Amino acid sequence: MATSPQITLDHWRALIAVVDAGGYAQAAQALFKSQSAVTYAVQKIESQLSLKAFEIQGRKAVLTPTGQMLYRRALALVAEAADLEQAAHRLSAGWEAEIHLAVEILFPTRVVLDSLARFGEESPRTRVELIESVLGGTSDALLTGQADLAICPLIPPGFLGDPLGQVAVVAVAHRDHALHRLGRELSLRDLADHRHVVVRDSGAKRDRKSVSVEVDQRWTVSTVAASIQAVSLGHGFAWLPRAQIADELASGQLVPLPLREGRERVVTLYLVLADPDFAGPGVRRLAQILRDAALA
């Protein structure tokens, strides 16, 4: 049976304060405690663990090598305790006041909006901020804590996700585009002399290699809607989500390019919760609604 720890969070906070403030007297001021109370807390750690966390050099308390390890672990422990308290407060308060949802632009906008409308019927007072992102932008939203949940093509390190479905992305151009007038199967080399319309990676670290083909002419836009309009007006070719250009394909305004290879790609999208252990009821409910809508 595990024994209860004899060292409390207040003891660890005292050790951290001595390091951060630069001494016992300064730590006492920062913690609004007496210097003797801070000294006792550090001595308690040292006596319980049979080690020395500090050594006195002049008027300063300097960490020993063992103390440096304790300091690092204490920082993590105190931060984890603070996160736990905040999560508990959120859960006890009921449904969240605000939820941040990051969605890769390949995911059908109609499905997102219908899901938000359904969620709004169940929790009308919960505000939802929709972050429309591209490639690395969705991962960034999770990594930086901007998103409570996300729909993304890549699961960033340290997160878990469930497959939400696949999106077909097809190479297309206007029916009167010069590429269609060639009247034959196309190679990637055929594309090099024509304008490629791409959507900008919204991540902080944009990977230039993510651009699908090397061409002399390129327009980079910020949204799929702008890309669809540019290609529909005959200004270039692009790989676009088939579901989002269904009307243009049906009318014949846009026609798939007869590429020898790479004419269509399939992208798997994942639903990722930023913090599954402490996700609030609103985040969990919205995630379920999105999951049901995507898999319907």
C-alpha atoms as a PDB file:
ATOM      1  CA  MET A   1       0.000   0.000   0.000  1.00  0.00           C
ATOM      2  CA  ALA A   2       1.435   3.367  -1.002  1.00  0.00           C
ATOM      3  CA  THR A   3       2.250   5.778   1.824  1.00  0.00           C
ATOM      4  CA  SER A   4       0.912   9.321   1.863  1.00  0.00           C
ATOM      5  CA  PRO A   5       3.490  11.947   0.896  1.00  0.00           C
ATOM      6  CA  GLN A   6       4.883  13.904   3.836  1.00  0.00           C
ATOM      7  CA  ILE A   7       5.867  16.873   1.666  1.00  0.00           C
ATOM      8  CA  THR A   8       3.019  19.187   0.722  1.00  0.00           C
ATOM      9  CA  LEU A   9       2.590  21.491  -2.262  1.00  0.00           C
ATOM     10  CA  ASP A  10       3.270  24.436   0.050  1.00  0.00           C
ATOM     11  CA  HIS A  11       6.686  22.965   0.832  1.00  0.00           C
ATOM     12  CA  TRP A  12       7.458  22.638  -2.876  1.00  0.00           C
ATOM     13  CA  ARG A  13       6.196  26.177  -3.518  1.00  0.00           C
ATOM     14  CA  ALA A  14       8.599  27.427  -0.856  1.00  0.00           C
ATOM     15  CA  LEU A  15      11.537  25.692  -2.543  1.00  0.00           C
ATOM     16  CA  ILE A  16      10.559  27.163  -5.906  1.00  0.00           C
ATOM     17  CA  ALA A  17      10.217  30.630  -4.385  1.00  0.00           C
ATOM     18  CA  VAL A  18      13.687  30.489  -2.804  1.00  0.00           C
ATOM     19  CA  VAL A  19      15.176  29.692  -6.224  1.00  0.00           C
ATOM     20  CA  ASP A  20      13.109  32.204  -8.185  1.00  0.00           C
ATOM     21  CA  ALA A  21      13.430  35.041  -5.678  1.00  0.00           C
ATOM     22  CA  GLY A  22      17.113  34.436  -5.012  1.00  0.00           C
ATOM     23  CA  GLY A  23      17.056  33.763  -1.269  1.00  0.00           C
ATOM     24  CA  TYR A  24      14.997  32.928   1.803  1.00  0.00           C
ATOM     25  CA  ALA A  25      14.187  36.521   2.779  1.00  0.00           C
ATOM     26  CA  GLN A  26      13.057  37.418  -0.752  1.00  0.00           C
ATOM     27  CA  ALA A  27      11.015  34.196  -0.977  1.00  0.00           C
ATOM     28  CA  ALA A  28       9.284  35.014   2.296  1.00  0.00           C
ATOM     29  CA  GLN A  29       8.243  38.398   0.912  1.00  0.00           C
ATOM     30  CA  ALA A  30       6.982  36.857  -2.331  1.00  0.00           C
ATOM     31  CA  LEU A  31       4.920  34.247  -0.455  1.00  0.00           C
ATOM     32  CA  PHE A  32       3.754  36.652   2.292  1.00  0.00           C
ATOM     33  CA  LYS A  33       5.205  34.309   4.908  1.00  0.00           C
ATOM     34  CA  SER A  34       7.799  34.655   7.594  1.00  0.00           C
ATOM     35  CA  GLN A  35      11.373  33.766   6.724  1.00  0.00           C
ATOM     36  CA  SER A  36      11.339  31.073   9.393  1.00  0.00           C
ATOM     37  CA  ALA A  37       8.311  29.433   7.752  1.00  0.00           C
ATOM     38  CA  VAL A  38      10.087  29.316   4.389  1.00  0.00           C
ATOM     39  CA  THR A  39      13.257  27.972   5.976  1.00  0.00           C
ATOM     40  CA  TYR A  40      11.271  25.289   7.802  1.00  0.00           C
ATOM     41  CA  ALA A  41       9.537  24.210   4.571  1.00  0.00           C
ATOM     42  CA  VAL A  42      12.853  23.694   2.779  1.00  0.00           C
ATOM     43  CA  GLN A  43      14.353  21.930   5.795  1.00  0.00           C
ATOM     44  CA  LYS A  44      11.309  19.651   5.863  1.00  0.00           C
ATOM     45  CA  ILE A  45      12.018  18.600   2.272  1.00  0.00           C
ATOM     46  CA  GLU A  46      15.681  17.999   3.035  1.00  0.00           C
ATOM     47  CA  SER A  47      15.020  16.011   6.215  1.00  0.00           C
ATOM     48  CA  GLN A  48      12.249  13.879   4.709  1.00  0.00           C
ATOM     49  CA  LEU A  49      14.367  13.026   1.656  1.00  0.00           C
ATOM     50  CA  SER A  50      17.723  12.912   3.469  1.00  0.00           C
ATOM     51  CA  LEU A  51      19.455  15.273   1.078  1.00  0.00           C
ATOM     52  CA  LYS A  52      20.598  18.861   0.678  1.00  0.00           C
ATOM     53  CA  ALA A  53      18.681  21.008  -1.769  1.00  0.00           C
ATOM     54  CA  PHE A  54      20.701  24.194  -1.164  1.00  0.00           C
ATOM     55  CA  GLU A  55      24.145  25.232  -0.147  1.00  0.00           C
ATOM     56  CA  ILE A  56      24.918  28.719   1.096  1.00  0.00           C
ATOM     57  CA  GLN A  57      27.436  30.691  -0.935  1.00  0.00           C
ATOM     58  CA  GLY A  58      27.971  34.081   0.633  1.00  0.00           C
ATOM     59  CA  ARG A  59      24.512  35.459   1.227  1.00  0.00           C
ATOM     60  CA  LYS A  60      22.839  33.383  -1.482  1.00  0.00           C
ATOM     61  CA  ALA A  61      21.233  29.959  -1.317  1.00  0.00           C
ATOM     62  CA  VAL A  62      22.444  28.014  -4.369  1.00  0.00           C
ATOM     63  CA  LEU A  63      20.925  24.771  -5.590  1.00  0.00           C
ATOM     64  CA  THR A  64      22.960  21.604  -5.317  1.00  0.00           C
ATOM     65  CA  PRO A  65      22.827  19.228  -8.312  1.00  0.00           C
ATOM     66  CA  THR A  66      20.181  17.238  -6.438  1.00  0.00           C
ATOM     67  CA  GLY A  67      18.341  20.465  -5.670  1.00  0.00           C
ATOM     68  CA  GLN A  68      18.260  21.335  -9.372  1.00  0.00           C
ATOM     69  CA  MET A  69      16.455  18.075 -10.078  1.00  0.00           C
ATOM     70  CA  LEU A  70      13.995  18.739  -7.242  1.00  0.00           C
ATOM     71  CA  TYR A  71      13.359  22.251  -8.530  1.00  0.00           C
ATOM     72  CA  ARG A  72      12.520  21.015 -12.031  1.00  0.00           C
ATOM     73  CA  ARG A  73      10.194  18.327 -10.722  1.00  0.00           C
ATOM     74  CA  ALA A  74       8.592  20.723  -8.242  1.00  0.00           C
ATOM     75  CA  LEU A  75       7.781  23.165 -11.049  1.00  0.00           C
ATOM     76  CA  ALA A  76       6.032  20.399 -12.968  1.00  0.00           C
ATOM     77  CA  LEU A  77       4.194  19.171  -9.862  1.00  0.00           C
ATOM     78  CA  VAL A  78       2.890  22.615  -8.878  1.00  0.00           C
ATOM     79  CA  ALA A  79       1.869  23.391 -12.475  1.00  0.00           C
ATOM     80  CA  GLU A  80       0.017  20.072 -12.745  1.00  0.00           C
ATOM     81  CA  ALA A  81      -1.799  20.772  -9.463  1.00  0.00           C
ATOM     82  CA  ALA A  82      -2.858  24.202 -10.760  1.00  0.00           C
ATOM     83  CA  ASP A  83      -4.141  22.662 -14.003  1.00  0.00           C
ATOM     84  CA  LEU A  84      -6.086  20.079 -12.023  1.00  0.00           C
ATOM     85  CA  GLU A  85      -7.737  22.765  -9.877  1.00  0.00           C
ATOM     86  CA  GLN A  86      -8.702  24.831 -12.923  1.00  0.00           C
ATOM     87  CA  ALA A  87     -10.142  21.773 -14.673  1.00  0.00           C
ATOM     88  CA  ALA A  88     -12.129  20.846 -11.562  1.00  0.00           C
ATOM     89  CA  HIS A  89     -13.537  24.372 -11.357  1.00  0.00           C
ATOM     90  CA  ARG A  90     -14.576  24.200 -15.009  1.00  0.00           C
ATOM     91  CA  LEU A  91     -16.312  20.873 -14.504  1.00  0.00           C
ATOM     92  CA  SER A  92     -18.076  21.957 -11.335  1.00  0.00           C
ATOM     93  CA  ALA A  93     -19.348  25.102 -13.035  1.00  0.00           C
ATOM     94  CA  GLY A  94     -21.278  23.093 -15.639  1.00  0.00           C
ATOM     95  CA  TRP A  95     -21.062  23.651 -19.380  1.00  0.00           C
ATOM     96  CA  GLU A  96     -18.282  25.954 -20.504  1.00  0.00           C
ATOM     97  CA  ALA A  97     -18.925  29.625 -21.233  1.00  0.00           C
ATOM     98  CA  GLU A  98     -16.754  29.444 -24.359  1.00  0.00           C
ATOM     99  CA  ILE A  99     -15.327  26.689 -26.554  1.00  0.00           C
ATOM    100  CA  HIS A 100     -12.603  27.070 -29.174  1.00  0.00           C
ATOM    101  CA  LEU A 101     -12.851  24.739 -32.173  1.00  0.00           C
ATOM    102  CA  ALA A 102     -10.094  24.544 -34.812  1.00  0.00           C
ATOM    103  CA  VAL A 103     -11.126  22.962 -38.118  1.00  0.00           C
ATOM    104  CA  GLU A 104      -8.986  22.087 -41.118  1.00  0.00           C
ATOM    105  CA  ILE A 105     -10.544  23.805 -44.140  1.00  0.00           C
ATOM    106  CA  LEU A 106     -10.781  20.501 -46.015  1.00  0.00           C
ATOM    107  CA  PHE A 107     -13.560  19.458 -43.644  1.00  0.00           C
ATOM    108  CA  PRO A 108     -16.991  20.336 -45.087  1.00  0.00           C
ATOM    109  CA  THR A 109     -18.111  23.723 -43.757  1.00  0.00           C
ATOM    110  CA  ARG A 110     -21.768  22.671 -43.955  1.00  0.00           C
ATOM    111  CA  VAL A 111     -21.147  19.796 -41.533  1.00  0.00           C
ATOM    112  CA  VAL A 112     -19.396  22.157 -39.096  1.00  0.00           C
ATOM    113  CA  LEU A 113     -22.179  24.749 -39.214  1.00  0.00           C
ATOM    114  CA  ASP A 114     -24.947  22.161 -38.880  1.00  0.00           C
ATOM    115  CA  SER A 115     -23.113  20.674 -35.883  1.00  0.00           C
ATOM    116  CA  LEU A 116     -22.713  24.088 -34.258  1.00  0.00           C
ATOM    117  CA  ALA A 117     -26.409  24.792 -34.807  1.00  0.00           C
ATOM    118  CA  ARG A 118     -27.366  21.535 -33.107  1.00  0.00           C
ATOM    119  CA  PHE A 119     -24.964  22.238 -30.250  1.00  0.00           C
ATOM    120  CA  GLY A 120     -26.439  25.735 -29.909  1.00  0.00           C
ATOM    121  CA  GLU A 121     -29.901  24.265 -29.388  1.00  0.00           C
ATOM    122  CA  GLU A 122     -28.590  22.250 -26.443  1.00  0.00           C
ATOM    123  CA  SER A 123     -26.316  24.915 -24.959  1.00  0.00           C
ATOM    124  CA  PRO A 124     -27.427  28.321 -26.260  1.00  0.00           C
ATOM    125  CA  ARG A 125     -25.308  30.259 -23.755  1.00  0.00           C
ATOM    126  CA  THR A 126     -22.010  28.625 -24.718  1.00  0.00           C
ATOM    127  CA  ARG A 127     -20.049  30.763 -27.142  1.00  0.00           C
ATOM    128  CA  VAL A 128     -18.075  28.952 -29.833  1.00  0.00           C
ATOM    129  CA  GLU A 129     -15.051  30.407 -31.587  1.00  0.00           C
ATOM    130  CA  LEU A 130     -14.399  28.657 -34.898  1.00  0.00           C
ATOM    131  CA  ILE A 131     -10.768  28.731 -36.036  1.00  0.00           C
ATOM    132  CA  GLU A 132     -10.517  27.831 -39.719  1.00  0.00           C
ATOM    133  CA  SER A 133      -6.985  26.598 -40.325  1.00  0.00           C
ATOM    134  CA  VAL A 134      -4.781  25.012 -42.957  1.00  0.00           C
ATOM    135  CA  LEU A 135      -2.205  22.236 -42.518  1.00  0.00           C
ATOM    136  CA  GLY A 136       0.093  23.231 -39.635  1.00  0.00           C
ATOM    137  CA  GLY A 137      -2.323  25.851 -38.349  1.00  0.00           C
ATOM    138  CA  THR A 138      -4.623  23.253 -36.831  1.00  0.00           C
ATOM    139  CA  SER A 139      -1.769  21.552 -34.990  1.00  0.00           C
ATOM    140  CA  ASP A 140      -0.527  24.950 -33.794  1.00  0.00           C
ATOM    141  CA  ALA A 141      -3.944  25.708 -32.306  1.00  0.00           C
ATOM    142  CA  LEU A 142      -3.699  22.544 -30.208  1.00  0.00           C
ATOM    143  CA  LEU A 143      -0.050  22.962 -29.243  1.00  0.00           C
ATOM    144  CA  THR A 144      -0.486  26.585 -28.157  1.00  0.00           C
ATOM    145  CA  GLY A 145      -3.692  25.968 -26.226  1.00  0.00           C
ATOM    146  CA  GLN A 146      -5.856  28.031 -28.587  1.00  0.00           C
ATOM    147  CA  ALA A 147      -8.217  25.134 -29.292  1.00  0.00           C
ATOM    148  CA  ASP A 148     -10.228  22.912 -26.962  1.00  0.00           C
ATOM    149  CA  LEU A 149     -10.810  20.447 -29.783  1.00  0.00           C
ATOM    150  CA  ALA A 150      -9.740  20.241 -33.403  1.00  0.00           C
ATOM    151  CA  ILE A 151     -10.332  18.491 -36.694  1.00  0.00           C
ATOM    152  CA  CYS A 152      -6.964  18.017 -38.362  1.00  0.00           C
ATOM    153  CA  PRO A 153      -5.155  15.932 -41.012  1.00  0.00           C
ATOM    154  CA  LEU A 154      -2.175  15.265 -38.735  1.00  0.00           C
ATOM    155  CA  ILE A 155      -2.212  14.498 -35.008  1.00  0.00           C
ATOM    156  CA  PRO A 156       0.512  16.570 -33.320  1.00  0.00           C
ATOM    157  CA  PRO A 157       2.954  14.837 -30.914  1.00  0.00           C
ATOM    158  CA  GLY A 158       1.523  14.339 -27.443  1.00  0.00           C
ATOM    159  CA  PHE A 159      -2.114  14.178 -28.581  1.00  0.00           C
ATOM    160  CA  LEU A 160      -4.526  11.376 -29.446  1.00  0.00           C
ATOM    161  CA  GLY A 161      -7.264  11.456 -32.057  1.00  0.00           C
ATOM    162  CA  ASP A 162     -10.036   9.394 -33.599  1.00  0.00           C
ATOM    163  CA  PRO A 163     -10.520   9.085 -37.386  1.00  0.00           C
ATOM    164  CA  LEU A 164     -13.407  11.275 -38.450  1.00  0.00           C
ATOM    165  CA  GLY A 165     -13.537  10.281 -42.090  1.00  0.00           C
ATOM    166  CA  GLN A 166     -11.753  10.861 -45.366  1.00  0.00           C
ATOM    167  CA  VAL A 167     -11.903  13.771 -47.779  1.00  0.00           C
ATOM    168  CA  ALA A 168     -11.250  13.362 -51.500  1.00  0.00           C
ATOM    169  CA  VAL A 169      -9.184  16.164 -53.032  1.00  0.00           C
ATOM    170  CA  VAL A 170      -9.231  16.309 -56.847  1.00  0.00           C
ATOM    171  CA  ALA A 171      -7.140  18.240 -59.367  1.00  0.00           C
ATOM    172  CA  VAL A 172      -9.433  20.469 -61.431  1.00  0.00           C
ATOM    173  CA  ALA A 173      -9.487  23.390 -63.846  1.00  0.00           C
ATOM    174  CA  HIS A 174     -12.144  25.357 -65.725  1.00  0.00           C
ATOM    175  CA  ARG A 175     -13.588  23.411 -68.669  1.00  0.00           C
ATOM    176  CA  ASP A 176     -12.004  25.871 -71.117  1.00  0.00           C
ATOM    177  CA  HIS A 177      -8.578  25.861 -69.470  1.00  0.00           C
ATOM    178  CA  ALA A 178      -5.592  25.296 -71.750  1.00  0.00           C
ATOM    179  CA  LEU A 179      -4.734  22.048 -69.959  1.00  0.00           C
ATOM    180  CA  HIS A 180      -8.029  20.516 -71.066  1.00  0.00           C
ATOM    181  CA  ARG A 181      -7.479  21.663 -74.622  1.00  0.00           C
ATOM    182  CA  LEU A 182      -4.398  19.444 -74.852  1.00  0.00           C
ATOM    183  CA  GLY A 183      -6.834  16.571 -75.265  1.00  0.00           C
ATOM    184  CA  ARG A 184      -4.639  13.909 -73.717  1.00  0.00           C
ATOM    185  CA  GLU A 185      -3.457  12.418 -70.445  1.00  0.00           C
ATOM    186  CA  LEU A 186      -1.334  14.884 -68.468  1.00  0.00           C
ATOM    187  CA  SER A 187       1.942  14.563 -66.595  1.00  0.00           C
ATOM    188  CA  LEU A 188       3.223  16.767 -63.781  1.00  0.00           C
ATOM    189  CA  ARG A 189       5.529  18.402 -66.336  1.00  0.00           C
ATOM    190  CA  ASP A 190       2.464  19.597 -68.258  1.00  0.00           C
ATOM    191  CA  LEU A 191       1.382  21.553 -65.182  1.00  0.00           C
ATOM    192  CA  ALA A 192       4.645  23.468 -64.875  1.00  0.00           C
ATOM    193  CA  ASP A 193       3.686  26.127 -67.437  1.00  0.00           C
ATOM    194  CA  HIS A 194       0.328  26.918 -65.859  1.00  0.00           C
ATOM    195  CA  ARG A 195      -0.775  28.806 -62.757  1.00  0.00           C
ATOM    196  CA  HIS A 196      -1.296  26.750 -59.617  1.00  0.00           C
ATOM    197  CA  VAL A 197      -3.726  28.148 -57.011  1.00  0.00           C
ATOM    198  CA  VAL A 198      -2.889  26.998 -53.474  1.00  0.00           C
ATOM    199  CA  VAL A 199      -4.249  27.765 -50.024  1.00  0.00           C
ATOM    200  CA  ARG A 200      -1.706  29.194 -47.592  1.00  0.00           C
ATOM    201  CA  ASP A 201      -0.570  27.052 -44.660  1.00  0.00           C
ATOM    202  CA  SER A 202      -1.849  28.903 -41.581  1.00  0.00           C
ATOM    203  CA  GLY A 203       0.771  27.317 -39.300  1.00  0.00           C
ATOM    204  CA  ALA A 204       3.509  29.377 -37.696  1.00  0.00           C
ATOM    205  CA  LYS A 205       6.140  27.291 -39.480  1.00  0.00           C
ATOM    206  CA  ARG A 206       5.068  27.040 -43.091  1.00  0.00           C
ATOM    207  CA  ASP A 207       6.619  24.189 -45.006  1.00  0.00           C
ATOM    208  CA  ARG A 208       7.355  25.277 -48.546  1.00  0.00           C
ATOM    209  CA  LYS A 209       7.701  21.617 -49.465  1.00  0.00           C
ATOM    210  CA  SER A 210       3.998  21.137 -48.756  1.00  0.00           C
ATOM    211  CA  VAL A 211       3.235  22.776 -52.113  1.00  0.00           C
ATOM    212  CA  SER A 212       2.222  19.862 -54.301  1.00  0.00           C
ATOM    213  CA  VAL A 213       3.932  20.688 -57.614  1.00  0.00           C
ATOM    214  CA  GLU A 214       6.696  22.954 -58.824  1.00  0.00           C
ATOM    215  CA  VAL A 215       5.400  25.591 -61.231  1.00  0.00           C
ATOM    216  CA  ASP A 216       6.579  28.954 -62.503  1.00  0.00           C
ATOM    217  CA  GLN A 217       3.270  30.664 -61.730  1.00  0.00           C
ATOM    218  CA  ARG A 218       1.446  30.408 -58.414  1.00  0.00           C
ATOM    219  CA  TRP A 219      -1.279  32.257 -56.578  1.00  0.00           C
ATOM    220  CA  THR A 220      -1.444  31.680 -52.815  1.00  0.00           C
ATOM    221  CA  VAL A 221      -4.783  32.487 -51.215  1.00  0.00           C
ATOM    222  CA  SER A 222      -6.068  32.245 -47.652  1.00  0.00           C
ATOM    223  CA  THR A 223      -9.292  30.260 -48.094  1.00  0.00           C
ATOM    224  CA  VAL A 224     -10.666  27.338 -50.066  1.00  0.00           C
ATOM    225  CA  ALA A 225     -13.519  29.585 -51.200  1.00  0.00           C
ATOM    226  CA  ALA A 226     -11.057  31.982 -52.850  1.00  0.00           C
ATOM    227  CA  SER A 227      -9.257  29.064 -54.487  1.00  0.00           C
ATOM    228  CA  ILE A 228     -12.529  27.655 -55.851  1.00  0.00           C
ATOM    229  CA  GLN A 229     -13.539  31.037 -57.249  1.00  0.00           C
ATOM    230  CA  ALA A 230     -10.150  31.639 -58.866  1.00  0.00           C
ATOM    231  CA  VAL A 231     -10.179  28.253 -60.583  1.00  0.00           C
ATOM    232  CA  SER A 232     -13.850  28.597 -61.563  1.00  0.00           C
ATOM    233  CA  LEU A 233     -12.983  31.868 -63.319  1.00  0.00           C
ATOM    234  CA  GLY A 234     -10.254  30.128 -65.297  1.00  0.00           C
ATOM    235  CA  HIS A 235      -7.269  31.663 -63.501  1.00  0.00           C
ATOM    236  CA  GLY A 236      -5.464  28.394 -62.827  1.00  0.00           C
ATOM    237  CA  PHE A 237      -5.721  24.818 -61.624  1.00  0.00           C
ATOM    238  CA  ALA A 238      -5.891  23.448 -58.087  1.00  0.00           C
ATOM    239  CA  TRP A 239      -6.499  20.391 -55.941  1.00  0.00           C
ATOM    240  CA  LEU A 240      -9.850  21.056 -54.295  1.00  0.00           C
ATOM    241  CA  PRO A 241     -12.112  19.081 -51.921  1.00  0.00           C
ATOM    242  CA  ARG A 242     -14.558  17.188 -54.111  1.00  0.00           C
ATOM    243  CA  ALA A 243     -17.454  17.755 -51.700  1.00  0.00           C
ATOM    244  CA  GLN A 244     -16.957  21.527 -51.783  1.00  0.00           C
ATOM    245  CA  ILE A 245     -17.011  21.746 -55.590  1.00  0.00           C
ATOM    246  CA  ALA A 246     -19.865  19.306 -56.174  1.00  0.00           C
ATOM    247  CA  ASP A 247     -22.035  21.953 -57.863  1.00  0.00           C
ATOM    248  CA  GLU A 248     -19.230  23.161 -60.139  1.00  0.00           C
ATOM    249  CA  LEU A 249     -18.418  19.579 -61.137  1.00  0.00           C
ATOM    250  CA  ALA A 250     -22.065  18.754 -61.768  1.00  0.00           C
ATOM    251  CA  SER A 251     -22.559  21.811 -63.992  1.00  0.00           C
ATOM    252  CA  GLY A 252     -19.344  21.102 -65.913  1.00  0.00           C
ATOM    253  CA  GLN A 253     -17.834  24.462 -64.977  1.00  0.00           C
ATOM    254  CA  LEU A 254     -14.936  22.604 -63.349  1.00  0.00           C
ATOM    255  CA  VAL A 255     -13.548  19.434 -64.898  1.00  0.00           C
ATOM    256  CA  PRO A 256     -11.056  17.019 -63.291  1.00  0.00           C
ATOM    257  CA  LEU A 257      -7.610  17.112 -64.898  1.00  0.00           C
ATOM    258  CA  PRO A 258      -6.738  13.827 -66.662  1.00  0.00           C
ATOM    259  CA  LEU A 259      -3.455  13.405 -64.798  1.00  0.00           C
ATOM    260  CA  ARG A 260      -1.492  10.210 -65.290  1.00  0.00           C
ATOM    261  CA  GLU A 261      -0.948  10.041 -61.546  1.00  0.00           C
ATOM    262  CA  GLY A 262      -2.040  12.133 -58.564  1.00  0.00           C
ATOM    263  CA  ARG A 263      -5.362  13.263 -60.040  1.00  0.00           C
ATOM    264  CA  GLU A 264      -7.104  12.532 -56.720  1.00  0.00           C
ATOM    265  CA  ARG A 265      -5.843  12.334 -53.155  1.00  0.00           C
ATOM    266  CA  VAL A 266      -7.567  11.027 -50.065  1.00  0.00           C
ATOM    267  CA  VAL A 267      -6.924  12.834 -46.770  1.00  0.00           C
ATOM    268  CA  THR A 268      -7.893  11.295 -43.418  1.00  0.00           C
ATOM    269  CA  LEU A 269      -9.119  13.790 -40.838  1.00  0.00           C
ATOM    270  CA  TYR A 270      -8.993  13.232 -37.082  1.00  0.00           C
ATOM    271  CA  LEU A 271     -10.988  14.595 -34.158  1.00  0.00           C
ATOM    272  CA  VAL A 272      -8.601  15.599 -31.366  1.00  0.00           C
ATOM    273  CA  LEU A 273      -9.428  16.818 -27.857  1.00  0.00           C
ATOM    274  CA  ALA A 274      -6.790  19.120 -26.408  1.00  0.00           C
ATOM    275  CA  ASP A 275      -7.145  17.618 -22.920  1.00  0.00           C
ATOM    276  CA  PRO A 276      -9.278  14.448 -22.900  1.00  0.00           C
ATOM    277  CA  ASP A 277      -8.880  13.892 -19.149  1.00  0.00           C
ATOM    278  CA  PHE A 278     -10.339  17.256 -18.189  1.00  0.00           C
ATOM    279  CA  ALA A 279     -12.503  18.180 -21.172  1.00  0.00           C
ATOM    280  CA  GLY A 280     -15.697  19.849 -20.024  1.00  0.00           C
ATOM    281  CA  PRO A 281     -19.194  18.566 -20.831  1.00  0.00           C
ATOM    282  CA  GLY A 282     -19.649  21.140 -23.596  1.00  0.00           C
ATOM    283  CA  VAL A 283     -16.436  20.127 -25.371  1.00  0.00           C
ATOM    284  CA  ARG A 284     -17.360  16.457 -25.106  1.00  0.00           C
ATOM    285  CA  ARG A 285     -20.873  17.048 -26.389  1.00  0.00           C
ATOM    286  CA  LEU A 286     -19.691  19.147 -29.333  1.00  0.00           C
ATOM    287  CA  ALA A 287     -17.121  16.467 -30.167  1.00  0.00           C
ATOM    288  CA  GLN A 288     -19.859  13.816 -30.174  1.00  0.00           C
ATOM    289  CA  ILE A 289     -22.102  15.927 -32.401  1.00  0.00           C
ATOM    290  CA  LEU A 290     -19.254  16.456 -34.881  1.00  0.00           C
ATOM    291  CA  ARG A 291     -18.408  12.767 -34.813  1.00  0.00           C
ATOM    292  CA  ASP A 292     -22.011  11.731 -35.465  1.00  0.00           C
ATOM    293  CA  ALA A 293     -22.418  14.262 -38.280  1.00  0.00           C
ATOM    294  CA  ALA A 294     -19.171  13.288 -39.998  1.00  0.00           C
ATOM    295  CA  LEU A 295     -19.856   9.575 -39.845  1.00  0.00           C
ATOM    296  CA  ALA A 296     -23.535   9.806 -40.796  1.00  0.00           C
END
